Every structure is written in structure tokens, then in C-alpha cells.
Amino acid sequence: MHKPFAVFIFCIILFLISACSSDKTTSSIIYTDSLVLGIGISGWNIVGESSTFINNPAESGITIYYRIESKDDLKGSNLEFDIYRNTSSGFELIHIIPIINTYYTAHILVGSFIHTWGAGSFKASIRLINTNQVIGVKEFTVVNK
């Protein structure tokens, strides 16, 4: 009567040891450094990925959504979202948006910003504040409706 119970307990312990000892750190997902812009968000994905956005001058700006992906774990690092306007002398920095990263283990961050700089050609750049490493750059155009 005790032998079947002991075998059962032994099997449970063996199962737990094998389950806990398997390598859970290996991931089949390969991350890359990138920045994607679009017109909406669904979970961790951008909806309506685009590099052209329509501005209605009668409104106070347009919402542009972004998805930042880093090949390295961001480890809670704060980022800076730099917006540049294309001028006759090249791209000039016009706005800096700080991104406070509250995720201590993450490769992907999503969010949005309000574009209030009218029509034109622009560039967005995402970089880590602590290392100045650029994670992604994306050129985009805003046209008036």
C-alpha cells in the first residue's frame, strides 16, 4: 500500500525536477532595432503602418503611434524620441520627447505623440539616454488635408 504512493511521489518529484531544469531563457523570437510609425495600436503592434500622415490644419495636431523594438533588452532604460524637420540645410531637431520606461525587461515599447508641427518632411529617432545608442530612425511626411 505504501509502495504505490511512494512511486507516485517519486514520479511527481521527477516531473518537477525535469520541468524546472529545462532552459526557459532560450527564446525563438529574434528582436531587431527598429522604429515603426502608424495610425493606431493593437496590443504590441502598430495598426496602419505608414510613413505619410494627413494633417487637418483645423485641428490641434495628429496622433502618430510608434512601436520601438530593441535587439537588446531595454532593462528599464529611459529613451528619447527626437523629432527633426527637413529644411534646406538638412534635418534640424525641433522637439524632444522623453520616454520613461517602466518595464524592467522589455524589447518592445509602444506609445504615441501628438504631431503639431504642420505639414512637411520629418525624421523620428529613438535613442537610449544612458548610452546615446540609436535604436531606430524613421523618416515620415505630413501632408495637409
N, C-alpha and C. Protein backbone atom coordinates (compact mmCIF):
# COMPACT_ATOMS: atom_id res chain seq x y z
N MET A 1 0.81 -1.19 0.00
CA MET A 1 0.00 0.00 0.00
C MET A 1 0.86 1.26 0.00
N HIS A 2 1.98 1.26 0.68
CA HIS A 2 2.85 2.42 0.71
C HIS A 2 3.69 2.51 -0.55
N LYS A 3 3.96 1.36 -1.18
CA LYS A 3 4.81 1.37 -2.36
C LYS A 3 4.20 2.17 -3.52
N PRO A 4 2.91 2.01 -3.88
CA PRO A 4 2.34 2.81 -4.97
C PRO A 4 2.36 4.31 -4.66
N PHE A 5 2.14 4.65 -3.40
CA PHE A 5 2.16 6.06 -3.03
C PHE A 5 3.58 6.63 -3.17
N ALA A 6 4.58 5.87 -2.77
CA ALA A 6 5.98 6.30 -2.88
C ALA A 6 6.37 6.44 -4.34
N VAL A 7 5.93 5.53 -5.20
CA VAL A 7 6.22 5.61 -6.63
C VAL A 7 5.56 6.85 -7.23
N PHE A 8 4.33 7.11 -6.80
CA PHE A 8 3.61 8.28 -7.27
C PHE A 8 4.35 9.56 -6.88
N ILE A 9 4.76 9.68 -5.63
CA ILE A 9 5.50 10.86 -5.15
C ILE A 9 6.82 10.99 -5.91
N PHE A 10 7.51 9.86 -6.12
CA PHE A 10 8.78 9.88 -6.85
C PHE A 10 8.56 10.40 -8.27
N CYS A 11 7.50 9.96 -8.92
CA CYS A 11 7.20 10.42 -10.29
C CYS A 11 6.89 11.91 -10.32
N ILE A 12 6.15 12.40 -9.35
CA ILE A 12 5.84 13.83 -9.27
C ILE A 12 7.13 14.64 -9.07
N ILE A 13 7.99 14.20 -8.17
CA ILE A 13 9.25 14.91 -7.92
C ILE A 13 10.11 14.89 -9.17
N LEU A 14 10.20 13.75 -9.85
CA LEU A 14 10.99 13.64 -11.07
C LEU A 14 10.44 14.58 -12.15
N PHE A 15 9.13 14.67 -12.28
CA PHE A 15 8.50 15.56 -13.24
C PHE A 15 8.83 17.03 -12.92
N LEU A 16 8.72 17.40 -11.63
CA LEU A 16 9.01 18.78 -11.24
C LEU A 16 10.47 19.13 -11.47
N ILE A 17 11.38 18.22 -11.19
CA ILE A 17 12.80 18.49 -11.41
C ILE A 17 13.08 18.67 -12.89
N SER A 18 12.51 17.82 -13.72
CA SER A 18 12.77 17.94 -15.16
C SER A 18 12.13 19.21 -15.73
N ALA A 19 10.96 19.59 -15.22
CA ALA A 19 10.30 20.80 -15.70
C ALA A 19 11.07 22.04 -15.28
N CYS A 20 11.58 22.05 -14.06
CA CYS A 20 12.30 23.23 -13.56
C CYS A 20 13.70 23.34 -14.14
N SER A 21 14.28 22.24 -14.53
CA SER A 21 15.66 22.30 -15.02
C SER A 21 15.74 22.60 -16.51
N SER A 22 14.61 22.58 -17.21
CA SER A 22 14.68 22.90 -18.64
C SER A 22 15.05 24.36 -18.83
N ASP A 23 15.73 24.66 -19.91
CA ASP A 23 16.23 26.00 -20.18
C ASP A 23 15.10 26.89 -20.68
N LYS A 24 14.58 27.73 -19.80
CA LYS A 24 13.49 28.63 -20.16
C LYS A 24 13.99 29.97 -20.68
N THR A 25 15.30 30.21 -20.65
CA THR A 25 15.83 31.50 -21.08
C THR A 25 15.99 31.59 -22.58
N THR A 26 16.01 30.48 -23.26
CA THR A 26 16.16 30.48 -24.71
C THR A 26 14.83 30.85 -25.35
N SER A 27 14.87 31.82 -26.23
CA SER A 27 13.67 32.27 -26.91
C SER A 27 13.85 32.12 -28.41
N SER A 28 12.79 31.73 -29.08
CA SER A 28 12.86 31.60 -30.54
C SER A 28 12.60 32.95 -31.22
N ILE A 29 12.26 33.97 -30.44
CA ILE A 29 12.00 35.30 -31.00
C ILE A 29 13.32 36.03 -31.18
N ILE A 30 13.53 36.57 -32.36
CA ILE A 30 14.72 37.36 -32.63
C ILE A 30 14.28 38.81 -32.77
N TYR A 31 14.79 39.66 -31.90
CA TYR A 31 14.44 41.07 -31.92
C TYR A 31 15.47 41.86 -32.73
N THR A 32 15.03 42.96 -33.32
CA THR A 32 15.92 43.85 -34.07
C THR A 32 15.68 45.28 -33.60
N ASP A 33 16.64 46.15 -33.85
CA ASP A 33 16.45 47.56 -33.56
C ASP A 33 15.59 48.16 -34.66
N SER A 34 14.44 48.71 -34.28
CA SER A 34 13.56 49.29 -35.29
C SER A 34 12.58 50.28 -34.67
N LEU A 35 12.05 51.13 -35.52
CA LEU A 35 11.01 52.08 -35.17
C LEU A 35 9.95 52.02 -36.26
N VAL A 36 8.70 51.81 -35.86
CA VAL A 36 7.58 51.75 -36.80
C VAL A 36 6.57 52.81 -36.39
N LEU A 37 6.04 53.53 -37.37
CA LEU A 37 5.02 54.55 -37.14
C LEU A 37 3.71 54.12 -37.79
N GLY A 38 2.59 54.57 -37.22
CA GLY A 38 1.30 54.23 -37.79
C GLY A 38 0.17 55.06 -37.21
N ILE A 39 -1.07 54.67 -37.54
CA ILE A 39 -2.23 55.45 -37.13
C ILE A 39 -2.97 54.85 -35.94
N GLY A 40 -2.49 53.74 -35.40
CA GLY A 40 -3.14 53.13 -34.25
C GLY A 40 -2.30 52.03 -33.64
N ILE A 41 -2.79 51.51 -32.51
CA ILE A 41 -2.10 50.43 -31.79
C ILE A 41 -3.11 49.34 -31.48
N SER A 42 -2.67 48.10 -31.62
CA SER A 42 -3.45 46.94 -31.17
C SER A 42 -2.48 46.04 -30.41
N GLY A 43 -2.56 46.07 -29.10
CA GLY A 43 -1.61 45.31 -28.29
C GLY A 43 -0.22 45.89 -28.44
N TRP A 44 0.72 45.05 -28.90
CA TRP A 44 2.11 45.48 -29.10
C TRP A 44 2.38 45.81 -30.58
N ASN A 45 1.33 45.89 -31.38
CA ASN A 45 1.50 46.09 -32.82
C ASN A 45 0.93 47.42 -33.28
N ILE A 46 1.50 47.92 -34.36
CA ILE A 46 1.02 49.15 -34.97
C ILE A 46 -0.06 48.81 -35.99
N VAL A 47 -1.13 49.59 -36.00
CA VAL A 47 -2.20 49.46 -36.98
C VAL A 47 -2.01 50.58 -38.00
N GLY A 48 -2.13 50.24 -39.27
CA GLY A 48 -1.99 51.26 -40.31
C GLY A 48 -0.59 51.81 -40.40
N GLU A 49 0.39 50.90 -40.45
CA GLU A 49 1.79 51.35 -40.57
C GLU A 49 1.93 52.27 -41.77
N SER A 50 2.61 53.40 -41.57
CA SER A 50 2.71 54.38 -42.64
C SER A 50 3.91 55.28 -42.44
N SER A 51 4.30 55.92 -43.52
CA SER A 51 5.32 56.98 -43.43
C SER A 51 4.73 58.30 -43.93
N THR A 52 3.42 58.31 -44.23
CA THR A 52 2.72 59.52 -44.63
C THR A 52 1.48 59.68 -43.77
N PHE A 53 1.32 60.87 -43.20
CA PHE A 53 0.20 61.14 -42.30
C PHE A 53 -0.51 62.40 -42.77
N ILE A 54 -1.83 62.43 -42.56
CA ILE A 54 -2.65 63.55 -43.04
C ILE A 54 -2.97 64.47 -41.89
N ASN A 55 -2.60 65.75 -42.06
CA ASN A 55 -2.81 66.77 -41.05
C ASN A 55 -4.05 67.58 -41.42
N ASN A 56 -4.92 67.79 -40.46
CA ASN A 56 -6.06 68.68 -40.65
C ASN A 56 -5.72 69.99 -39.94
N PRO A 57 -5.41 71.06 -40.69
CA PRO A 57 -5.00 72.32 -40.06
C PRO A 57 -6.02 72.88 -39.07
N ALA A 58 -7.29 72.48 -39.20
CA ALA A 58 -8.33 72.97 -38.28
C ALA A 58 -8.22 72.31 -36.91
N GLU A 59 -7.49 71.21 -36.82
CA GLU A 59 -7.34 70.50 -35.54
C GLU A 59 -5.99 70.87 -34.92
N SER A 60 -5.83 70.51 -33.66
CA SER A 60 -4.63 70.92 -32.92
C SER A 60 -3.45 69.97 -33.09
N GLY A 61 -3.52 69.05 -34.00
CA GLY A 61 -2.42 68.11 -34.24
C GLY A 61 -2.96 66.73 -34.58
N ILE A 62 -2.05 65.86 -35.00
CA ILE A 62 -2.45 64.48 -35.31
C ILE A 62 -1.69 63.53 -34.40
N THR A 63 -2.36 62.46 -34.03
CA THR A 63 -1.72 61.46 -33.18
C THR A 63 -1.00 60.47 -34.08
N ILE A 64 0.28 60.30 -33.82
CA ILE A 64 1.10 59.31 -34.53
C ILE A 64 1.55 58.28 -33.49
N TYR A 65 1.29 57.02 -33.79
CA TYR A 65 1.65 55.93 -32.87
C TYR A 65 3.00 55.34 -33.28
N TYR A 66 3.73 54.85 -32.31
CA TYR A 66 5.04 54.26 -32.58
C TYR A 66 5.20 52.93 -31.87
N ARG A 67 6.05 52.12 -32.47
CA ARG A 67 6.47 50.84 -31.87
C ARG A 67 7.99 50.80 -31.93
N ILE A 68 8.60 50.73 -30.77
CA ILE A 68 10.05 50.66 -30.66
C ILE A 68 10.41 49.21 -30.35
N GLU A 69 11.32 48.66 -31.12
CA GLU A 69 11.82 47.31 -30.84
C GLU A 69 13.33 47.39 -30.71
N SER A 70 13.86 46.77 -29.67
CA SER A 70 15.30 46.77 -29.43
C SER A 70 15.83 45.35 -29.45
N LYS A 71 16.96 45.14 -30.14
CA LYS A 71 17.54 43.79 -30.18
C LYS A 71 18.02 43.37 -28.81
N ASP A 72 18.38 44.35 -27.97
CA ASP A 72 18.80 44.08 -26.59
C ASP A 72 17.66 44.43 -25.65
N ASP A 73 17.57 43.71 -24.55
CA ASP A 73 16.58 44.03 -23.52
C ASP A 73 16.82 45.45 -23.04
N LEU A 74 15.78 46.26 -23.01
CA LEU A 74 15.92 47.66 -22.60
C LEU A 74 16.22 47.82 -21.11
N LYS A 75 15.90 46.82 -20.31
CA LYS A 75 16.22 46.78 -18.87
C LYS A 75 15.82 48.06 -18.14
N GLY A 76 14.66 48.58 -18.47
CA GLY A 76 14.17 49.77 -17.78
C GLY A 76 14.83 51.06 -18.19
N SER A 77 15.63 51.04 -19.25
CA SER A 77 16.32 52.26 -19.69
C SER A 77 15.32 53.28 -20.23
N ASN A 78 15.57 54.53 -19.91
CA ASN A 78 14.75 55.61 -20.46
C ASN A 78 15.24 55.97 -21.85
N LEU A 79 14.31 56.43 -22.67
CA LEU A 79 14.63 56.74 -24.06
C LEU A 79 14.28 58.18 -24.38
N GLU A 80 14.77 58.62 -25.52
CA GLU A 80 14.45 59.94 -26.02
C GLU A 80 13.96 59.82 -27.46
N PHE A 81 12.82 60.40 -27.73
CA PHE A 81 12.21 60.39 -29.05
C PHE A 81 12.47 61.77 -29.64
N ASP A 82 13.38 61.84 -30.60
CA ASP A 82 13.77 63.13 -31.20
C ASP A 82 13.05 63.32 -32.53
N ILE A 83 12.45 64.49 -32.71
CA ILE A 83 11.75 64.82 -33.95
C ILE A 83 12.55 65.89 -34.69
N TYR A 84 12.84 65.63 -35.97
CA TYR A 84 13.59 66.56 -36.82
C TYR A 84 12.72 66.98 -37.99
N ARG A 85 12.88 68.24 -38.41
CA ARG A 85 12.20 68.74 -39.61
C ARG A 85 13.25 68.85 -40.72
N ASN A 86 12.88 68.42 -41.91
CA ASN A 86 13.79 68.53 -43.06
C ASN A 86 13.71 69.96 -43.59
N THR A 87 14.85 70.63 -43.61
CA THR A 87 14.94 72.01 -44.10
C THR A 87 15.93 72.05 -45.26
N SER A 88 16.11 73.22 -45.81
CA SER A 88 17.06 73.37 -46.93
C SER A 88 18.49 73.07 -46.50
N SER A 89 18.77 73.14 -45.20
CA SER A 89 20.12 72.84 -44.72
C SER A 89 20.21 71.47 -44.06
N GLY A 90 19.20 70.63 -44.25
CA GLY A 90 19.20 69.27 -43.67
C GLY A 90 18.20 69.15 -42.54
N PHE A 91 18.25 68.03 -41.83
CA PHE A 91 17.31 67.81 -40.73
C PHE A 91 17.74 68.60 -39.50
N GLU A 92 16.78 69.35 -38.94
CA GLU A 92 17.03 70.14 -37.74
C GLU A 92 16.13 69.65 -36.62
N LEU A 93 16.71 69.43 -35.44
CA LEU A 93 15.96 68.99 -34.27
C LEU A 93 14.93 70.04 -33.88
N ILE A 94 13.66 69.63 -33.78
CA ILE A 94 12.61 70.59 -33.40
C ILE A 94 11.92 70.23 -32.09
N HIS A 95 12.02 68.96 -31.68
CA HIS A 95 11.32 68.57 -30.45
C HIS A 95 11.93 67.30 -29.88
N ILE A 96 11.98 67.23 -28.55
CA ILE A 96 12.46 66.04 -27.85
C ILE A 96 11.36 65.56 -26.92
N ILE A 97 11.02 64.27 -27.03
CA ILE A 97 10.00 63.67 -26.18
C ILE A 97 10.69 62.62 -25.30
N PRO A 98 10.75 62.85 -23.98
CA PRO A 98 11.34 61.81 -23.11
C PRO A 98 10.36 60.65 -22.96
N ILE A 99 10.88 59.44 -22.99
CA ILE A 99 10.06 58.24 -22.78
C ILE A 99 10.58 57.57 -21.52
N ILE A 100 9.76 57.58 -20.48
CA ILE A 100 10.12 56.94 -19.22
C ILE A 100 9.69 55.48 -19.32
N ASN A 101 10.67 54.59 -19.33
CA ASN A 101 10.41 53.16 -19.49
C ASN A 101 10.18 52.54 -18.12
N THR A 102 8.96 52.08 -17.87
CA THR A 102 8.64 51.47 -16.59
C THR A 102 8.74 49.95 -16.62
N TYR A 103 9.10 49.37 -17.77
CA TYR A 103 9.26 47.93 -17.89
C TYR A 103 10.72 47.56 -17.66
N TYR A 104 10.98 46.69 -16.71
CA TYR A 104 12.36 46.35 -16.39
C TYR A 104 12.92 45.25 -17.29
N THR A 105 12.07 44.54 -17.98
CA THR A 105 12.52 43.59 -19.00
C THR A 105 11.58 43.74 -20.18
N ALA A 106 12.08 44.32 -21.24
CA ALA A 106 11.25 44.53 -22.42
C ALA A 106 12.12 44.78 -23.63
N HIS A 107 11.68 44.26 -24.76
CA HIS A 107 12.32 44.54 -26.03
C HIS A 107 11.45 45.48 -26.87
N ILE A 108 10.16 45.60 -26.48
CA ILE A 108 9.21 46.36 -27.29
C ILE A 108 8.47 47.37 -26.41
N LEU A 109 8.37 48.59 -26.91
CA LEU A 109 7.56 49.63 -26.27
C LEU A 109 6.66 50.24 -27.33
N VAL A 110 5.44 50.56 -26.97
CA VAL A 110 4.52 51.24 -27.87
C VAL A 110 4.00 52.50 -27.19
N GLY A 111 3.63 53.47 -28.01
CA GLY A 111 3.10 54.71 -27.47
C GLY A 111 2.67 55.62 -28.60
N SER A 112 2.49 56.89 -28.27
CA SER A 112 2.06 57.85 -29.29
C SER A 112 2.57 59.24 -28.93
N PHE A 113 2.53 60.12 -29.92
CA PHE A 113 2.82 61.53 -29.69
C PHE A 113 1.89 62.34 -30.57
N ILE A 114 1.69 63.59 -30.20
CA ILE A 114 0.86 64.50 -30.98
C ILE A 114 1.78 65.33 -31.86
N HIS A 115 1.61 65.21 -33.17
CA HIS A 115 2.40 65.98 -34.13
C HIS A 115 1.72 67.32 -34.33
N THR A 116 2.40 68.39 -33.92
CA THR A 116 1.81 69.74 -34.01
C THR A 116 2.65 70.68 -34.87
N TRP A 117 3.52 70.14 -35.70
CA TRP A 117 4.45 70.96 -36.47
C TRP A 117 4.04 71.15 -37.93
N GLY A 118 2.78 70.86 -38.23
CA GLY A 118 2.25 71.11 -39.56
C GLY A 118 2.78 70.15 -40.61
N ALA A 119 2.58 70.54 -41.86
CA ALA A 119 2.98 69.70 -42.99
C ALA A 119 4.48 69.81 -43.22
N GLY A 120 5.04 68.77 -43.84
CA GLY A 120 6.45 68.79 -44.17
C GLY A 120 7.07 67.41 -44.12
N SER A 121 8.37 67.39 -44.24
CA SER A 121 9.15 66.14 -44.19
C SER A 121 9.88 66.10 -42.84
N PHE A 122 9.78 64.96 -42.15
CA PHE A 122 10.30 64.84 -40.79
C PHE A 122 11.09 63.54 -40.63
N LYS A 123 11.79 63.48 -39.52
CA LYS A 123 12.50 62.25 -39.16
C LYS A 123 12.34 62.06 -37.65
N ALA A 124 12.04 60.83 -37.26
CA ALA A 124 11.96 60.48 -35.85
C ALA A 124 13.13 59.57 -35.53
N SER A 125 13.73 59.78 -34.38
CA SER A 125 14.87 58.98 -33.94
C SER A 125 14.67 58.59 -32.48
N ILE A 126 14.88 57.33 -32.18
CA ILE A 126 14.77 56.83 -30.81
C ILE A 126 16.16 56.46 -30.33
N ARG A 127 16.51 56.97 -29.15
CA ARG A 127 17.82 56.60 -28.62
C ARG A 127 17.75 56.39 -27.11
N LEU A 128 18.65 55.54 -26.62
CA LEU A 128 18.77 55.32 -25.18
C LEU A 128 19.47 56.53 -24.57
N ILE A 129 18.92 57.05 -23.51
CA ILE A 129 19.50 58.24 -22.89
C ILE A 129 20.85 57.92 -22.24
N ASN A 130 20.95 56.77 -21.56
CA ASN A 130 22.18 56.48 -20.81
C ASN A 130 23.38 56.15 -21.68
N THR A 131 23.17 55.64 -22.90
CA THR A 131 24.30 55.28 -23.76
C THR A 131 24.34 56.08 -25.06
N ASN A 132 23.28 56.83 -25.33
CA ASN A 132 23.16 57.59 -26.58
C ASN A 132 23.03 56.69 -27.82
N GLN A 133 22.81 55.40 -27.63
CA GLN A 133 22.67 54.45 -28.73
C GLN A 133 21.34 54.66 -29.44
N VAL A 134 21.40 54.82 -30.77
CA VAL A 134 20.19 54.98 -31.57
C VAL A 134 19.61 53.60 -31.85
N ILE A 135 18.33 53.43 -31.52
CA ILE A 135 17.65 52.15 -31.72
C ILE A 135 16.92 52.12 -33.05
N GLY A 136 16.35 53.25 -33.45
CA GLY A 136 15.61 53.27 -34.70
C GLY A 136 15.44 54.69 -35.23
N VAL A 137 15.40 54.78 -36.55
CA VAL A 137 15.18 56.07 -37.23
C VAL A 137 14.13 55.83 -38.30
N LYS A 138 13.20 56.76 -38.42
CA LYS A 138 12.16 56.64 -39.43
C LYS A 138 11.83 58.01 -40.00
N GLU A 139 11.94 58.15 -41.31
CA GLU A 139 11.53 59.38 -41.97
C GLU A 139 10.04 59.28 -42.27
N PHE A 140 9.34 60.41 -42.14
CA PHE A 140 7.90 60.42 -42.43
C PHE A 140 7.50 61.80 -42.96
N THR A 141 6.36 61.81 -43.63
CA THR A 141 5.85 63.02 -44.25
C THR A 141 4.47 63.32 -43.70
N VAL A 142 4.20 64.60 -43.47
CA VAL A 142 2.87 65.03 -43.05
C VAL A 142 2.36 65.96 -44.13
N VAL A 143 1.17 65.66 -44.64
CA VAL A 143 0.54 66.49 -45.68
C VAL A 143 -0.75 67.08 -45.14
N ASN A 144 -1.10 68.29 -45.60
CA ASN A 144 -2.34 68.92 -45.18
C ASN A 144 -3.51 68.31 -45.92
N LYS A 145 -4.62 68.20 -45.24
CA LYS A 145 -5.86 67.65 -45.77
C LYS A 145 -6.45 68.59 -46.79
